[in-house]
Amino acid sequence: MRIAFLNLCHTDPDLVARAARRLTADPDFDMFIHVDAKQDIEPFRQAVKDIPRVYFTEKREKVYWGGYNAITATYDLLRDALNSDRHYDYFVTMQNLDYPLKSNREIREFFEKNEGREFIRGCPIARTEDWEFARKYRLFYKKDNQYGKTTEKSLKRIMMRLYEMMMSLTTIGCDGVIREDDGEYPIYYGCAQWAVTRECAEYLDDFEKTHSKFNKKMRIMQFPDEEYFHTVVHNSKYRTHCLKYDEPEQRWLVNWRNLHYFEFPKEVTTLTERDYERLKDKEELFIRKVRTGISDGLLNILDGENS
């Protein structure tokens, strides 16, 4: 059972190296890293230089909060792993501040036990009456720029917001179904961290290359990394391969965890040693999020248990 861990990174190279060191201790676990093009890649290279089977993507995207470039960067990772000389059975996405909760042995045993399953849950949000979901596709978003999350009141920021508001007049009637040449794709929502089989990964690869209308709509949606892959999978034969599928609509991302445990009261909570007793009995394979200098005590406990 060979597994490729696909890590989207922009900060904390020491944590990235620590996770890579933990995972690649298994000779069949490799890590692929995409470093945000806005960041200096050298600290990441230095941090992992002595760790085997860690690979950086040649392509690098400028990834902004809520932007479509997160999809492009994920595809950079996925394609590098698919085209590798090593044949991977599973592809697991990570986002920088993730860390293994379970041991490599437990992770391996989990995927062996569930071989052939896809781990990407999908919340059906097409034609919803809940504005929390409907706004994701009924409003127009342009987030691949530095003004997506900032609160500054600069003229460019104000102009960008006005542009989004005006363009929302063209999308407000959207019913949450993307119409492509080969059929209709009702939109699904879920967590950006997921795991898929090689067969499903190859399907995702081909889909992006052949569905330009789908891609165009996703580019102007809210948080497309929480909708793109979920919509593709849950409108395909792989839907019934998912560990959970045909689930009813339900608010809040914490209700759609796949293999990562996280807490999200207002923002994703940074976990520390104080949280260990609550975490130790969780079923998930990974936790999110942790940070060097804040979560060291927790990481030391996990490394000690799972070495």
Foldseek 3Di string as FASTA:
>chain_A
DAEEEEEEDADFLLVVQVQQQQQVVPVRYAYEYAYAPVHDCVVNCVNNVPRPRYHYQPDHHHDFAQAPVVVVSSLSRLVVQVPDPDHHFKYWYHYHQKHFLAFNVVVVVVCVVLPLAWQFEWEFDFQDPDCVRLQQFLFFAATSDPLNPDPDPDPVNVVRVVVRRVCSVVRNPGRQWQQFPVGIFRWIFADLIIMDTSVLSVVLNVCVVPTVSLSVSLRTGGNSSGIVSSRSCCVDPSQVSHPDHPDYHDDDRCVHDGQEHWDCPPHTDADAPVCCVVSNPDPHGMYDGYHPPGHVRVVVVSVVVRD
